[in-house]
Each structure stands twice: as structure tokens, then as C-alpha cells.
PDB file of N, CA and C in Angstrom:
ATOM      1  N   MET A   1      -3.086  30.869   2.892  1.00  0.00           N
ATOM      2  CA  MET A   1      -3.447  29.836   1.963  1.00  0.00           C
ATOM      3  C   MET A   1      -3.059  28.494   2.591  1.00  0.00           C
ATOM      4  N   LYS A   2      -3.998  27.534   2.531  1.00  0.00           N
ATOM      5  CA  LYS A   2      -3.720  26.193   3.006  1.00  0.00           C
ATOM      6  C   LYS A   2      -3.288  25.318   1.847  1.00  0.00           C
ATOM      7  N   VAL A   3      -2.272  24.528   2.086  1.00  0.00           N
ATOM      8  CA  VAL A   3      -1.817  23.565   1.088  1.00  0.00           C
ATOM      9  C   VAL A   3      -1.731  22.214   1.764  1.00  0.00           C
ATOM     10  N   HIS A   4      -2.401  21.232   1.185  1.00  0.00           N
ATOM     11  CA  HIS A   4      -2.370  19.880   1.719  1.00  0.00           C
ATOM     12  C   HIS A   4      -1.657  18.990   0.724  1.00  0.00           C
ATOM     13  N   GLY A   5      -0.715  18.228   1.204  1.00  0.00           N
ATOM     14  CA  GLY A   5       0.016  17.336   0.307  1.00  0.00           C
ATOM     15  C   GLY A   5      -0.090  15.897   0.776  1.00  0.00           C
ATOM     16  N   GLY A   6       0.322  14.995  -0.055  1.00  0.00           N
ATOM     17  CA  GLY A   6       0.331  13.593   0.314  1.00  0.00           C
ATOM     18  C   GLY A   6      -0.965  12.904  -0.047  1.00  0.00           C
ATOM     19  N   ILE A   7      -1.012  11.631   0.274  1.00  0.00           N
ATOM     20  CA  ILE A   7      -2.195  10.792  -0.008  1.00  0.00           C
ATOM     21  C   ILE A   7      -3.054  10.783   1.239  1.00  0.00           C
ATOM     22  N   GLY A   8      -4.357  10.775   1.071  1.00  0.00           N
ATOM     23  CA  GLY A   8      -5.269  10.713   2.200  1.00  0.00           C
ATOM     24  C   GLY A   8      -5.689  12.093   2.625  1.00  0.00           C
ATOM     25  N   ASN A   9      -6.052  12.224   3.894  1.00  0.00           N
ATOM     26  CA  ASN A   9      -6.520  13.503   4.405  1.00  0.00           C
ATOM     27  C   ASN A   9      -5.884  13.739   5.750  1.00  0.00           C
ATOM     28  N   LEU A  10      -6.299  14.807   6.425  1.00  0.00           N
ATOM     29  CA  LEU A  10      -5.685  15.155   7.689  1.00  0.00           C
ATOM     30  C   LEU A  10      -6.214  14.390   8.877  1.00  0.00           C
ATOM     31  N   GLU A  11      -7.319  13.667   8.734  1.00  0.00           N
ATOM     32  CA  GLU A  11      -7.911  12.938   9.843  1.00  0.00           C
ATOM     33  C   GLU A  11      -7.545  11.481   9.868  1.00  0.00           C
ATOM     34  N   PHE A  12      -7.598  10.829   8.705  1.00  0.00           N
ATOM     35  CA  PHE A  12      -7.364   9.397   8.607  1.00  0.00           C
ATOM     36  C   PHE A  12      -6.530   9.104   7.372  1.00  0.00           C
ATOM     37  N   ASN A  13      -5.679   8.102   7.481  1.00  0.00           N
ATOM     38  CA  ASN A  13      -4.918   7.606   6.338  1.00  0.00           C
ATOM     39  C   ASN A  13      -5.021   6.095   6.323  1.00  0.00           C
ATOM     40  N   VAL A  14      -5.072   5.522   5.134  1.00  0.00           N
ATOM     41  CA  VAL A  14      -5.073   4.083   4.963  1.00  0.00           C
ATOM     42  C   VAL A  14      -4.006   3.750   3.926  1.00  0.00           C
ATOM     43  N   TYR A  15      -3.152   2.802   4.240  1.00  0.00           N
ATOM     44  CA  TYR A  15      -2.126   2.423   3.304  1.00  0.00           C
ATOM     45  C   TYR A  15      -1.679   1.006   3.544  1.00  0.00           C
ATOM     46  N   PRO A  16      -1.095   0.330   2.592  1.00  0.00           N
ATOM     47  CA  PRO A  16      -0.911   0.758   1.204  1.00  0.00           C
ATOM     48  C   PRO A  16      -2.230   0.705   0.443  1.00  0.00           C
ATOM     49  N   ASN A  17      -2.279   1.371  -0.662  1.00  0.00           N
ATOM     50  CA  ASN A  17      -3.459   1.363  -1.520  1.00  0.00           C
ATOM     51  C   ASN A  17      -2.957   1.322  -2.959  1.00  0.00           C
ATOM     52  N   PRO A  18      -3.004   0.189  -3.632  1.00  0.00           N
ATOM     53  CA  PRO A  18      -3.740  -1.024  -3.421  1.00  0.00           C
ATOM     54  C   PRO A  18      -3.279  -1.759  -2.157  1.00  0.00           C
ATOM     55  N   ALA A  19      -4.251  -2.422  -1.527  1.00  0.00           N
ATOM     56  CA  ALA A  19      -4.023  -3.083  -0.240  1.00  0.00           C
ATOM     57  C   ALA A  19      -4.044  -4.597  -0.385  1.00  0.00           C
ATOM     58  N   THR A  20      -3.568  -5.265   0.641  1.00  0.00           N
ATOM     59  CA  THR A  20      -3.721  -6.708   0.777  1.00  0.00           C
ATOM     60  C   THR A  20      -4.303  -6.969   2.156  1.00  0.00           C
ATOM     61  N   ALA A  21      -5.021  -8.074   2.296  1.00  0.00           N
ATOM     62  CA  ALA A  21      -5.684  -8.365   3.572  1.00  0.00           C
ATOM     63  C   ALA A  21      -4.698  -8.478   4.729  1.00  0.00           C
ATOM     64  N   GLY A  22      -3.493  -8.948   4.445  1.00  0.00           N
ATOM     65  CA  GLY A  22      -2.501  -9.097   5.499  1.00  0.00           C
ATOM     66  C   GLY A  22      -1.693  -7.848   5.776  1.00  0.00           C
ATOM     67  N   ASN A  23      -1.846  -6.816   4.983  1.00  0.00           N
ATOM     68  CA  ASN A  23      -1.036  -5.618   5.124  1.00  0.00           C
ATOM     69  C   ASN A  23      -1.874  -4.381   4.849  1.00  0.00           C
ATOM     70  N   LEU A  24      -2.689  -4.002   5.822  1.00  0.00           N
ATOM     71  CA  LEU A  24      -3.522  -2.811   5.698  1.00  0.00           C
ATOM     72  C   LEU A  24      -3.424  -2.032   7.005  1.00  0.00           C
ATOM     73  N   LYS A  25      -3.004  -0.805   6.904  1.00  0.00           N
ATOM     74  CA  LYS A  25      -2.812   0.019   8.112  1.00  0.00           C
ATOM     75  C   LYS A  25      -3.771   1.208   8.078  1.00  0.00           C
ATOM     76  N   PHE A  26      -4.336   1.507   9.226  1.00  0.00           N
ATOM     77  CA  PHE A  26      -5.292   2.605   9.395  1.00  0.00           C
ATOM     78  C   PHE A  26      -4.708   3.553  10.420  1.00  0.00           C
ATOM     79  N   GLN A  27      -4.495   4.803  10.015  1.00  0.00           N
ATOM     80  CA  GLN A  27      -3.867   5.791  10.875  1.00  0.00           C
ATOM     81  C   GLN A  27      -4.881   6.872  11.253  1.00  0.00           C
ATOM     82  N   LEU A  28      -5.010   7.103  12.558  1.00  0.00           N
ATOM     83  CA  LEU A  28      -5.817   8.198  13.065  1.00  0.00           C
ATOM     84  C   LEU A  28      -4.865   9.337  13.356  1.00  0.00           C
ATOM     85  N   VAL A  29      -5.136  10.512  12.849  1.00  0.00           N
ATOM     86  CA  VAL A  29      -4.239  11.657  12.961  1.00  0.00           C
ATOM     87  C   VAL A  29      -4.914  12.755  13.787  1.00  0.00           C
ATOM     88  N   ASN A  30      -4.332  13.031  14.953  1.00  0.00           N
ATOM     89  CA  ASN A  30      -4.816  14.082  15.843  1.00  0.00           C
ATOM     90  C   ASN A  30      -6.320  13.979  16.098  1.00  0.00           C
ATOM     91  N   GLN A  31      -6.764  12.791  16.503  1.00  0.00           N
ATOM     92  CA  GLN A  31      -8.181  12.550  16.754  1.00  0.00           C
ATOM     93  C   GLN A  31      -8.484  12.530  18.247  1.00  0.00           C
ATOM     94  N   LYS A  32      -9.723  12.872  18.588  1.00  0.00           N
ATOM     95  CA  LYS A  32     -10.170  12.839  19.977  1.00  0.00           C
ATOM     96  C   LYS A  32     -10.319  11.404  20.451  1.00  0.00           C
ATOM     97  N   ALA A  33     -10.235  11.214  21.751  1.00  0.00           N
ATOM     98  CA  ALA A  33     -10.400   9.898  22.335  1.00  0.00           C
ATOM     99  C   ALA A  33     -11.836   9.435  22.163  1.00  0.00           C
ATOM    100  N   GLY A  34     -11.994   8.122  22.063  1.00  0.00           N
ATOM    101  CA  GLY A  34     -13.329   7.551  21.974  1.00  0.00           C
ATOM    102  C   GLY A  34     -13.369   6.334  21.080  1.00  0.00           C
ATOM    103  N   LEU A  35     -14.583   5.847  20.839  1.00  0.00           N
ATOM    104  CA  LEU A  35     -14.785   4.681  19.995  1.00  0.00           C
ATOM    105  C   LEU A  35     -14.965   5.063  18.544  1.00  0.00           C
ATOM    106  N   TYR A  36     -14.178   4.427  17.675  1.00  0.00           N
ATOM    107  CA  TYR A  36     -14.263   4.648  16.239  1.00  0.00           C
ATOM    108  C   TYR A  36     -14.730   3.318  15.618  1.00  0.00           C
ATOM    109  N   GLU A  37     -15.786   3.400  14.829  1.00  0.00           N
ATOM    110  CA  GLU A  37     -16.298   2.223  14.137  1.00  0.00           C
ATOM    111  C   GLU A  37     -15.764   2.220  12.717  1.00  0.00           C
ATOM    112  N   VAL A  38     -15.153   1.086  12.314  1.00  0.00           N
ATOM    113  CA  VAL A  38     -14.538   0.958  11.001  1.00  0.00           C
ATOM    114  C   VAL A  38     -15.134  -0.256  10.310  1.00  0.00           C
ATOM    115  N   ARG A  39     -15.596  -0.075   9.057  1.00  0.00           N
ATOM    116  CA  ARG A  39     -16.145  -1.180   8.272  1.00  0.00           C
ATOM    117  C   ARG A  39     -15.520  -1.186   6.889  1.00  0.00           C
ATOM    118  N   LEU A  40     -15.237  -2.370   6.384  1.00  0.00           N
ATOM    119  CA  LEU A  40     -14.742  -2.554   5.030  1.00  0.00           C
ATOM    120  C   LEU A  40     -15.877  -3.144   4.214  1.00  0.00           C
ATOM    121  N   VAL A  41     -16.334  -2.413   3.182  1.00  0.00           N
ATOM    122  CA  VAL A  41     -17.524  -2.753   2.425  1.00  0.00           C
ATOM    123  C   VAL A  41     -17.183  -2.771   0.933  1.00  0.00           C
ATOM    124  N   ASN A  42     -17.703  -3.783   0.220  1.00  0.00           N
ATOM    125  CA  ASN A  42     -17.467  -3.801  -1.239  1.00  0.00           C
ATOM    126  C   ASN A  42     -18.536  -2.975  -1.948  1.00  0.00           C
ATOM    127  N   SER A  43     -18.448  -2.911  -3.276  1.00  0.00           N
ATOM    128  CA  SER A  43     -19.345  -2.064  -4.056  1.00  0.00           C
ATOM    129  C   SER A  43     -20.784  -2.566  -4.052  1.00  0.00           C
ATOM    130  N   PHE A  44     -21.004  -3.817  -3.620  1.00  0.00           N
ATOM    131  CA  PHE A  44     -22.354  -4.374  -3.525  1.00  0.00           C
ATOM    132  C   PHE A  44     -22.955  -4.236  -2.142  1.00  0.00           C
ATOM    133  N   GLY A  45     -22.191  -3.673  -1.213  1.00  0.00           N
ATOM    134  CA  GLY A  45     -22.671  -3.471   0.150  1.00  0.00           C
ATOM    135  C   GLY A  45     -22.343  -4.589   1.105  1.00  0.00           C
ATOM    136  N   ARG A  46     -21.605  -5.609   0.659  1.00  0.00           N
ATOM    137  CA  ARG A  46     -21.223  -6.700   1.562  1.00  0.00           C
ATOM    138  C   ARG A  46     -20.130  -6.220   2.512  1.00  0.00           C
ATOM    139  N   ILE A  47     -20.347  -6.496   3.788  1.00  0.00           N
ATOM    140  CA  ILE A  47     -19.379  -6.093   4.827  1.00  0.00           C
ATOM    141  C   ILE A  47     -18.345  -7.198   4.985  1.00  0.00           C
ATOM    142  N   PHE A  48     -17.074  -6.869   4.743  1.00  0.00           N
ATOM    143  CA  PHE A  48     -16.004  -7.838   4.873  1.00  0.00           C
ATOM    144  C   PHE A  48     -15.306  -7.738   6.228  1.00  0.00           C
ATOM    145  N   MET A  49     -15.480  -6.639   6.909  1.00  0.00           N
ATOM    146  CA  MET A  49     -14.893  -6.465   8.211  1.00  0.00           C
ATOM    147  C   MET A  49     -15.603  -5.358   8.945  1.00  0.00           C
ATOM    148  N   ALA A  50     -15.868  -5.544  10.221  1.00  0.00           N
ATOM    149  CA  ALA A  50     -16.395  -4.496  11.083  1.00  0.00           C
ATOM    150  C   ALA A  50     -15.596  -4.536  12.369  1.00  0.00           C
ATOM    151  N   ARG A  51     -15.113  -3.394  12.783  1.00  0.00           N
ATOM    152  CA  ARG A  51     -14.252  -3.338  13.954  1.00  0.00           C
ATOM    153  C   ARG A  51     -14.465  -2.040  14.702  1.00  0.00           C
ATOM    154  N   THR A  52     -14.395  -2.118  16.011  1.00  0.00           N
ATOM    155  CA  THR A  52     -14.456  -0.925  16.863  1.00  0.00           C
ATOM    156  C   THR A  52     -13.077  -0.709  17.449  1.00  0.00           C
ATOM    157  N   ILE A  53     -12.602   0.523  17.332  1.00  0.00           N
ATOM    158  CA  ILE A  53     -11.271   0.883  17.858  1.00  0.00           C
ATOM    159  C   ILE A  53     -11.451   1.851  19.027  1.00  0.00           C
ATOM    160  N   GLN A  54     -10.902   1.482  20.186  1.00  0.00           N
ATOM    161  CA  GLN A  54     -10.889   2.356  21.342  1.00  0.00           C
ATOM    162  C   GLN A  54      -9.630   3.221  21.230  1.00  0.00           C
ATOM    163  N   HIS A  55      -9.816   4.475  20.804  1.00  0.00           N
ATOM    164  CA  HIS A  55      -8.681   5.363  20.583  1.00  0.00           C
ATOM    165  C   HIS A  55      -8.457   6.233  21.819  1.00  0.00           C
ATOM    166  N   LYS A  56      -7.207   6.370  22.246  1.00  0.00           N
ATOM    167  CA  LYS A  56      -6.866   7.121  23.454  1.00  0.00           C
ATOM    168  C   LYS A  56      -6.693   8.604  23.212  1.00  0.00           C
ATOM    169  N   GLY A  57      -6.777   9.018  21.942  1.00  0.00           N
ATOM    170  CA  GLY A  57      -6.571  10.427  21.615  1.00  0.00           C
ATOM    171  C   GLY A  57      -5.228  10.647  20.944  1.00  0.00           C
ATOM    172  N   GLY A  58      -5.137  11.710  20.166  1.00  0.00           N
ATOM    173  CA  GLY A  58      -3.890  11.995  19.447  1.00  0.00           C
ATOM    174  C   GLY A  58      -3.802  11.196  18.163  1.00  0.00           C
ATOM    175  N   SER A  59      -2.615  10.697  17.863  1.00  0.00           N
ATOM    176  CA  SER A  59      -2.398   9.926  16.650  1.00  0.00           C
ATOM    177  C   SER A  59      -2.026   8.497  16.990  1.00  0.00           C
ATOM    178  N   SER A  60      -2.489   7.555  16.177  1.00  0.00           N
ATOM    179  CA  SER A  60      -2.133   6.156  16.387  1.00  0.00           C
ATOM    180  C   SER A  60      -2.241   5.412  15.054  1.00  0.00           C
ATOM    181  N   LEU A  61      -1.647   4.222  15.044  1.00  0.00           N
ATOM    182  CA  LEU A  61      -1.651   3.378  13.842  1.00  0.00           C
ATOM    183  C   LEU A  61      -2.228   2.030  14.226  1.00  0.00           C
ATOM    184  N   GLU A  62      -3.225   1.582  13.475  1.00  0.00           N
ATOM    185  CA  GLU A  62      -3.879   0.298  13.717  1.00  0.00           C
ATOM    186  C   GLU A  62      -3.648  -0.625  12.511  1.00  0.00           C
ATOM    187  N   ASN A  63      -3.329  -1.878  12.770  1.00  0.00           N
ATOM    188  CA  ASN A  63      -3.262  -2.882  11.733  1.00  0.00           C
ATOM    189  C   ASN A  63      -4.671  -3.443  11.556  1.00  0.00           C
ATOM    190  N   ILE A  64      -5.148  -3.453  10.335  1.00  0.00           N
ATOM    191  CA  ILE A  64      -6.465  -4.011  10.044  1.00  0.00           C
ATOM    192  C   ILE A  64      -6.256  -5.296   9.268  1.00  0.00           C
ATOM    193  N   ARG A  65      -6.713  -6.385   9.840  1.00  0.00           N
ATOM    194  CA  ARG A  65      -6.573  -7.689   9.171  1.00  0.00           C
ATOM    195  C   ARG A  65      -7.945  -8.363   9.131  1.00  0.00           C
ATOM    196  N   PRO A  66      -8.646  -8.225   8.018  1.00  0.00           N
ATOM    197  CA  PRO A  66      -9.923  -8.912   7.879  1.00  0.00           C
ATOM    198  C   PRO A  66      -9.741 -10.413   8.024  1.00  0.00           C
ATOM    199  N   GLU A  67     -10.705 -11.072   8.665  1.00  0.00           N
ATOM    200  CA  GLU A  67     -10.607 -12.507   8.914  1.00  0.00           C
ATOM    201  C   GLU A  67     -11.072 -13.337   7.729  1.00  0.00           C
ATOM    202  N   VAL A  68     -11.586 -12.705   6.700  1.00  0.00           N
ATOM    203  CA  VAL A  68     -12.061 -13.437   5.506  1.00  0.00           C
ATOM    204  C   VAL A  68     -11.157 -13.059   4.319  1.00  0.00           C
ATOM    205  N   ASN A  69     -11.191 -13.893   3.296  1.00  0.00           N
ATOM    206  CA  ASN A  69     -10.451 -13.609   2.086  1.00  0.00           C
ATOM    207  C   ASN A  69     -11.079 -12.415   1.366  1.00  0.00           C
ATOM    208  N   ILE A  70     -10.280 -11.479   0.930  1.00  0.00           N
ATOM    209  CA  ILE A  70     -10.775 -10.293   0.233  1.00  0.00           C
ATOM    210  C   ILE A  70     -10.527 -10.457  -1.270  1.00  0.00           C
ATOM    211  N   PRO A  71     -11.581 -10.636  -2.060  1.00  0.00           N
ATOM    212  CA  PRO A  71     -11.397 -10.723  -3.515  1.00  0.00           C
ATOM    213  C   PRO A  71     -10.904  -9.383  -4.076  1.00  0.00           C
ATOM    214  N   LYS A  72     -10.247  -9.456  -5.224  1.00  0.00           N
ATOM    215  CA  LYS A  72      -9.787  -8.234  -5.875  1.00  0.00           C
ATOM    216  C   LYS A  72     -10.986  -7.364  -6.219  1.00  0.00           C
ATOM    217  N   GLY A  73     -10.832  -6.055  -6.054  1.00  0.00           N
ATOM    218  CA  GLY A  73     -11.900  -5.137  -6.375  1.00  0.00           C
ATOM    219  C   GLY A  73     -11.742  -3.808  -5.666  1.00  0.00           C
ATOM    220  N   ILE A  74     -12.779  -2.993  -5.756  1.00  0.00           N
ATOM    221  CA  ILE A  74     -12.801  -1.668  -5.131  1.00  0.00           C
ATOM    222  C   ILE A  74     -13.684  -1.757  -3.894  1.00  0.00           C
ATOM    223  N   TYR A  75     -13.187  -1.208  -2.802  1.00  0.00           N
ATOM    224  CA  TYR A  75     -13.873  -1.260  -1.501  1.00  0.00           C
ATOM    225  C   TYR A  75     -13.946   0.111  -0.892  1.00  0.00           C
ATOM    226  N   ARG A  76     -14.812   0.222   0.117  1.00  0.00           N
ATOM    227  CA  ARG A  76     -14.910   1.456   0.904  1.00  0.00           C
ATOM    228  C   ARG A  76     -14.562   1.123   2.351  1.00  0.00           C
ATOM    229  N   LEU A  77     -13.690   1.941   2.924  1.00  0.00           N
ATOM    230  CA  LEU A  77     -13.461   1.875   4.374  1.00  0.00           C
ATOM    231  C   LEU A  77     -14.296   2.974   4.965  1.00  0.00           C
ATOM    232  N   GLU A  78     -15.342   2.587   5.694  1.00  0.00           N
ATOM    233  CA  GLU A  78     -16.268   3.544   6.300  1.00  0.00           C
ATOM    234  C   GLU A  78     -15.869   3.752   7.760  1.00  0.00           C
ATOM    235  N   ILE A  79     -15.721   5.009   8.136  1.00  0.00           N
ATOM    236  CA  ILE A  79     -15.275   5.346   9.480  1.00  0.00           C
ATOM    237  C   ILE A  79     -16.348   6.218  10.146  1.00  0.00           C
ATOM    238  N   LYS A  80     -16.763   5.810  11.354  1.00  0.00           N
ATOM    239  CA  LYS A  80     -17.689   6.607  12.132  1.00  0.00           C
ATOM    240  C   LYS A  80     -16.953   7.055  13.403  1.00  0.00           C
ATOM    241  N   THR A  81     -16.898   8.382  13.605  1.00  0.00           N
ATOM    242  CA  THR A  81     -16.187   8.943  14.746  1.00  0.00           C
ATOM    243  C   THR A  81     -17.071   8.921  15.992  1.00  0.00           C
ATOM    244  N   PRO A  82     -16.478   9.165  17.178  1.00  0.00           N
ATOM    245  CA  PRO A  82     -17.283   9.228  18.399  1.00  0.00           C
ATOM    246  C   PRO A  82     -18.365  10.319  18.337  1.00  0.00           C
ATOM    247  N   ALA A  83     -18.138  11.357  17.563  1.00  0.00           N
ATOM    248  CA  ALA A  83     -19.127  12.447  17.438  1.00  0.00           C
ATOM    249  C   ALA A  83     -20.232  12.095  16.443  1.00  0.00           C
ATOM    250  N   GLY A  84     -20.122  10.927  15.780  1.00  0.00           N
ATOM    251  CA  GLY A  84     -21.146  10.522  14.833  1.00  0.00           C
ATOM    252  C   GLY A  84     -20.863  10.928  13.380  1.00  0.00           C
ATOM    253  N   ASN A  85     -19.739  11.606  13.154  1.00  0.00           N
ATOM    254  CA  ASN A  85     -19.370  11.979  11.774  1.00  0.00           C
ATOM    255  C   ASN A  85     -18.931  10.732  11.020  1.00  0.00           C
ATOM    256  N   ARG A  86     -19.186  10.729   9.735  1.00  0.00           N
ATOM    257  CA  ARG A  86     -18.800   9.581   8.887  1.00  0.00           C
ATOM    258  C   ARG A  86     -17.850  10.044   7.791  1.00  0.00           C
ATOM    259  N   GLN A  87     -16.895   9.186   7.475  1.00  0.00           N
ATOM    260  CA  GLN A  87     -15.980   9.427   6.408  1.00  0.00           C
ATOM    261  C   GLN A  87     -15.762   8.131   5.655  1.00  0.00           C
ATOM    262  N   VAL A  88     -15.557   8.233   4.347  1.00  0.00           N
ATOM    263  CA  VAL A  88     -15.336   7.054   3.509  1.00  0.00           C
ATOM    264  C   VAL A  88     -14.013   7.230   2.751  1.00  0.00           C
ATOM    265  N   ILE A  89     -13.206   6.186   2.754  1.00  0.00           N
ATOM    266  CA  ILE A  89     -11.958   6.150   2.001  1.00  0.00           C
ATOM    267  C   ILE A  89     -12.048   4.978   1.030  1.00  0.00           C
ATOM    268  N   SER A  90     -11.784   5.227  -0.248  1.00  0.00           N
ATOM    269  CA  SER A  90     -11.821   4.156  -1.253  1.00  0.00           C
ATOM    270  C   SER A  90     -10.500   3.405  -1.264  1.00  0.00           C
ATOM    271  N   LEU A  91     -10.610   2.083  -1.398  1.00  0.00           N
ATOM    272  CA  LEU A  91      -9.456   1.193  -1.420  1.00  0.00           C
ATOM    273  C   LEU A  91      -9.538   0.223  -2.580  1.00  0.00           C
ATOM    274  N   VAL A  92      -8.399  -0.193  -3.061  1.00  0.00           N
ATOM    275  CA  VAL A  92      -8.327  -1.239  -4.082  1.00  0.00           C
ATOM    276  C   VAL A  92      -7.600  -2.421  -3.473  1.00  0.00           C
ATOM    277  N   PHE A  93      -8.164  -3.610  -3.608  1.00  0.00           N
ATOM    278  CA  PHE A  93      -7.519  -4.850  -3.162  1.00  0.00           C
ATOM    279  C   PHE A  93      -7.121  -5.653  -4.370  1.00  0.00           C
TER     280      PHE A  93
END
């Protein structure tokens, strides 16, 4: 039987949630090396941040600091892996 605990999933974690633009961390957990595309999108589809991360493999922690002011609301952090898989994590600012 598998039991998963904690917030997030086994591939990616984002914290804190609720987040602030100056304090948002993105964790890759046991991921393959390659380019990861990360976008922060609001519920209307406006992109507030787009970033490419060159990951060396394994686990790492990235600070994400959008260059624009992030209004309060619900957002999606969209992640595209080097294999083309997509994952979405919901965030509150």
C-alpha cells in the first residue's frame, strides 16, 4: 500500500501557499535533467511569469520572483517537463 503525506506531490512542490511575489519557492523532487518551463497564470489566462529552468537532475529548489506585481487571487503554476508532460499546481496570492 502506498501512502503519500504532506502538501504537494512527489514531483514538484510550491510553497508557501498562500504565496507572495517575493517569497515563492519551486522544488523539483527527483527529476531528470533538462529544461523545465514554468508559467504563472491567473484564472483569466494572463501570464504573470514565464521562466525556463535548466535542471541538472535530482532534487533542487528554485526561488521564483515574478517581475510584476501579483494581485490577490487564485493562480496556476504550469510546469512542462523535458519529456513534454504538463502539471498544474494551484496557488493563492
